[in-house]
Amino acid sequence: MNRLYLICLTLCFSGIESGILHYIHYGCLEDRATRILKEKAASLKPNSPWHCQKFCEGYIYFGVESGSVCFCGNELILPIKRSSKCTESCAGNSLLMCGGSWAIDVYRRCDRR
């Protein structure tokens, strides 16, 4: 039963809807010291994709990393490499994943028309 609940939560947060904006999960990417999202950042408590999206209002991209860190930006800094290390629970909801060590779960805004 708990596994089914977790799968449902994961699917629900693969896209986040906020007003007329819709966010899609871009993927788990490797991060680095120079950061792939670098315009705005903070450690949020609580943190989750929803909390980070609210913090990054107005930006095209946002990402969660290391459970409690949120990054924002209007572009992804190249090079972009996929990662499988987004396995850390969110500080705001332990049922959701918020990146990992040098791994960032990135979401992208898609304006609805």
C-alpha atoms as a PDB file:
ATOM      1  CA  MET A   1       0.000   0.000   0.000  1.00  0.00           C
ATOM      2  CA  ASN A   2       2.770   2.518   0.870  1.00  0.00           C
ATOM      3  CA  ARG A   3       4.517   1.794  -2.432  1.00  0.00           C
ATOM      4  CA  LEU A   4       1.342   2.570  -4.382  1.00  0.00           C
ATOM      5  CA  TYR A   5       0.953   5.858  -2.477  1.00  0.00           C
ATOM      6  CA  LEU A   6       4.560   6.816  -3.256  1.00  0.00           C
ATOM      7  CA  ILE A   7       4.087   6.061  -6.971  1.00  0.00           C
ATOM      8  CA  CYS A   8       0.979   8.259  -7.034  1.00  0.00           C
ATOM      9  CA  LEU A   9       2.846  11.142  -5.386  1.00  0.00           C
ATOM     10  CA  THR A  10       5.737  10.778  -7.805  1.00  0.00           C
ATOM     11  CA  LEU A  11       3.408  10.906 -10.812  1.00  0.00           C
ATOM     12  CA  CYS A  12       1.485  13.870  -9.422  1.00  0.00           C
ATOM     13  CA  PHE A  13       4.701  15.882  -9.037  1.00  0.00           C
ATOM     14  CA  SER A  14       6.102  15.032 -12.459  1.00  0.00           C
ATOM     15  CA  GLY A  15       4.243  18.186 -13.479  1.00  0.00           C
ATOM     16  CA  ILE A  16       3.291  21.137 -11.288  1.00  0.00           C
ATOM     17  CA  GLU A  17       0.462  23.468 -12.191  1.00  0.00           C
ATOM     18  CA  SER A  18       0.260  27.016 -10.860  1.00  0.00           C
ATOM     19  CA  GLY A  19      -2.396  29.346 -12.260  1.00  0.00           C
ATOM     20  CA  ILE A  20      -1.873  29.512 -16.028  1.00  0.00           C
ATOM     21  CA  LEU A  21       1.686  28.176 -15.748  1.00  0.00           C
ATOM     22  CA  HIS A  22       2.582  24.516 -15.964  1.00  0.00           C
ATOM     23  CA  TYR A  23       5.929  23.044 -14.944  1.00  0.00           C
ATOM     24  CA  ILE A  24       7.296  19.776 -16.297  1.00  0.00           C
ATOM     25  CA  HIS A  25      10.036  17.662 -14.777  1.00  0.00           C
ATOM     26  CA  TYR A  26      13.037  18.227 -17.051  1.00  0.00           C
ATOM     27  CA  GLY A  27      15.070  15.507 -15.345  1.00  0.00           C
ATOM     28  CA  CYS A  28      17.779  14.669 -12.847  1.00  0.00           C
ATOM     29  CA  LEU A  29      20.989  16.436 -13.887  1.00  0.00           C
ATOM     30  CA  GLU A  30      24.543  16.553 -12.596  1.00  0.00           C
ATOM     31  CA  ASP A  31      25.359  19.817 -10.850  1.00  0.00           C
ATOM     32  CA  ARG A  32      28.822  21.331 -10.340  1.00  0.00           C
ATOM     33  CA  ALA A  33      30.548  24.097  -8.397  1.00  0.00           C
ATOM     34  CA  THR A  34      29.756  26.651 -11.146  1.00  0.00           C
ATOM     35  CA  ARG A  35      26.053  25.554 -11.001  1.00  0.00           C
ATOM     36  CA  ILE A  36      23.735  24.811 -13.892  1.00  0.00           C
ATOM     37  CA  LEU A  37      21.064  27.148 -12.417  1.00  0.00           C
ATOM     38  CA  LYS A  38      22.732  30.210 -10.967  1.00  0.00           C
ATOM     39  CA  GLU A  39      20.438  33.245 -10.888  1.00  0.00           C
ATOM     40  CA  LYS A  40      18.888  32.691  -7.443  1.00  0.00           C
ATOM     41  CA  ALA A  41      19.375  30.098  -4.679  1.00  0.00           C
ATOM     42  CA  ALA A  42      18.397  29.404  -1.085  1.00  0.00           C
ATOM     43  CA  SER A  43      18.136  26.669   1.472  1.00  0.00           C
ATOM     44  CA  LEU A  44      14.390  26.275   2.072  1.00  0.00           C
ATOM     45  CA  LYS A  45      12.755  24.718   5.115  1.00  0.00           C
ATOM     46  CA  PRO A  46      10.430  23.184   4.247  1.00  0.00           C
ATOM     47  CA  ASN A  47      11.485  22.338   0.710  1.00  0.00           C
ATOM     48  CA  SER A  48       9.740  20.406  -2.059  1.00  0.00           C
ATOM     49  CA  PRO A  49       9.223  20.981  -5.791  1.00  0.00           C
ATOM     50  CA  TRP A  50       6.144  23.063  -4.910  1.00  0.00           C
ATOM     51  CA  HIS A  51       7.998  25.237  -2.348  1.00  0.00           C
ATOM     52  CA  CYS A  52      10.894  25.778  -4.751  1.00  0.00           C
ATOM     53  CA  GLN A  53       8.542  26.676  -7.609  1.00  0.00           C
ATOM     54  CA  LYS A  54       6.960  29.356  -5.422  1.00  0.00           C
ATOM     55  CA  PHE A  55      10.415  30.701  -4.433  1.00  0.00           C
ATOM     56  CA  CYS A  56      11.458  30.817  -8.116  1.00  0.00           C
ATOM     57  CA  GLU A  57       8.341  32.572  -9.396  1.00  0.00           C
ATOM     58  CA  GLY A  58       9.119  34.370 -12.663  1.00  0.00           C
ATOM     59  CA  TYR A  59      12.009  32.090 -13.685  1.00  0.00           C
ATOM     60  CA  ILE A  60      11.868  29.514 -16.488  1.00  0.00           C
ATOM     61  CA  TYR A  61      13.708  26.800 -14.537  1.00  0.00           C
ATOM     62  CA  PHE A  62      13.879  25.730 -10.927  1.00  0.00           C
ATOM     63  CA  GLY A  63      15.599  22.806  -9.291  1.00  0.00           C
ATOM     64  CA  VAL A  64      15.803  21.042  -5.958  1.00  0.00           C
ATOM     65  CA  GLU A  65      19.044  19.553  -4.660  1.00  0.00           C
ATOM     66  CA  SER A  66      20.356  17.860  -1.519  1.00  0.00           C
ATOM     67  CA  GLY A  67      16.894  17.760   0.060  1.00  0.00           C
ATOM     68  CA  SER A  68      16.696  21.411   1.107  1.00  0.00           C
ATOM     69  CA  VAL A  69      18.365  23.583  -1.552  1.00  0.00           C
ATOM     70  CA  CYS A  70      16.438  25.404  -4.290  1.00  0.00           C
ATOM     71  CA  PHE A  71      17.959  26.967  -7.413  1.00  0.00           C
ATOM     72  CA  CYS A  72      16.358  29.238 -10.043  1.00  0.00           C
ATOM     73  CA  GLY A  73      17.354  30.429 -13.491  1.00  0.00           C
ATOM     74  CA  ASN A  74      16.239  31.386 -16.966  1.00  0.00           C
ATOM     75  CA  GLU A  75      18.793  29.142 -18.660  1.00  0.00           C
ATOM     76  CA  LEU A  76      20.658  25.906 -17.987  1.00  0.00           C
ATOM     77  CA  ILE A  77      24.401  26.453 -18.024  1.00  0.00           C
ATOM     78  CA  LEU A  78      26.105  23.975 -20.394  1.00  0.00           C
ATOM     79  CA  PRO A  79      27.238  21.236 -20.459  1.00  0.00           C
ATOM     80  CA  ILE A  80      24.173  19.317 -19.252  1.00  0.00           C
ATOM     81  CA  LYS A  81      24.623  15.721 -18.113  1.00  0.00           C
ATOM     82  CA  ARG A  82      21.917  13.353 -16.888  1.00  0.00           C
ATOM     83  CA  SER A  83      22.275  11.806 -13.429  1.00  0.00           C
ATOM     84  CA  SER A  84      20.698   8.904 -11.554  1.00  0.00           C
ATOM     85  CA  LYS A  85      21.570  10.314  -8.116  1.00  0.00           C
ATOM     86  CA  CYS A  86      18.355  12.258  -7.360  1.00  0.00           C
ATOM     87  CA  THR A  87      17.469  10.008  -4.431  1.00  0.00           C
ATOM     88  CA  GLU A  88      17.361  12.366  -1.430  1.00  0.00           C
ATOM     89  CA  SER A  89      14.045  13.064   0.306  1.00  0.00           C
ATOM     90  CA  CYS A  90      12.696  16.612   0.392  1.00  0.00           C
ATOM     91  CA  ALA A  91      13.006  18.573   3.637  1.00  0.00           C
ATOM     92  CA  GLY A  92       9.305  19.448   3.329  1.00  0.00           C
ATOM     93  CA  ASN A  93       7.923  16.035   2.331  1.00  0.00           C
ATOM     94  CA  SER A  94       9.895  12.850   2.872  1.00  0.00           C
ATOM     95  CA  LEU A  95       7.755  11.037   0.265  1.00  0.00           C
ATOM     96  CA  LEU A  96       9.149  13.246  -2.532  1.00  0.00           C
ATOM     97  CA  MET A  97      12.665  13.335  -3.946  1.00  0.00           C
ATOM     98  CA  CYS A  98      14.665  16.583  -3.990  1.00  0.00           C
ATOM     99  CA  GLY A  99      17.853  15.834  -5.874  1.00  0.00           C
ATOM    100  CA  GLY A 100      20.956  14.489  -4.194  1.00  0.00           C
ATOM    101  CA  SER A 101      24.623  15.255  -3.684  1.00  0.00           C
ATOM    102  CA  TRP A 102      25.634  17.239  -6.801  1.00  0.00           C
ATOM    103  CA  ALA A 103      22.411  16.061  -8.468  1.00  0.00           C
ATOM    104  CA  ILE A 104      19.533  18.446  -9.144  1.00  0.00           C
ATOM    105  CA  ASP A 105      15.923  17.652 -10.070  1.00  0.00           C
ATOM    106  CA  VAL A 106      15.123  20.347 -12.645  1.00  0.00           C
ATOM    107  CA  TYR A 107      11.653  21.580 -13.656  1.00  0.00           C
ATOM    108  CA  ARG A 108      10.867  23.788 -16.650  1.00  0.00           C
ATOM    109  CA  ARG A 109       8.018  26.255 -17.111  1.00  0.00           C
ATOM    110  CA  CYS A 110       5.677  25.649 -20.044  1.00  0.00           C
ATOM    111  CA  ASP A 111       3.230  28.509 -20.563  1.00  0.00           C
ATOM    112  CA  ARG A 112      -0.224  27.313 -21.541  1.00  0.00           C
ATOM    113  CA  ARG A 113      -1.849  28.909 -24.522  1.00  0.00           C
END
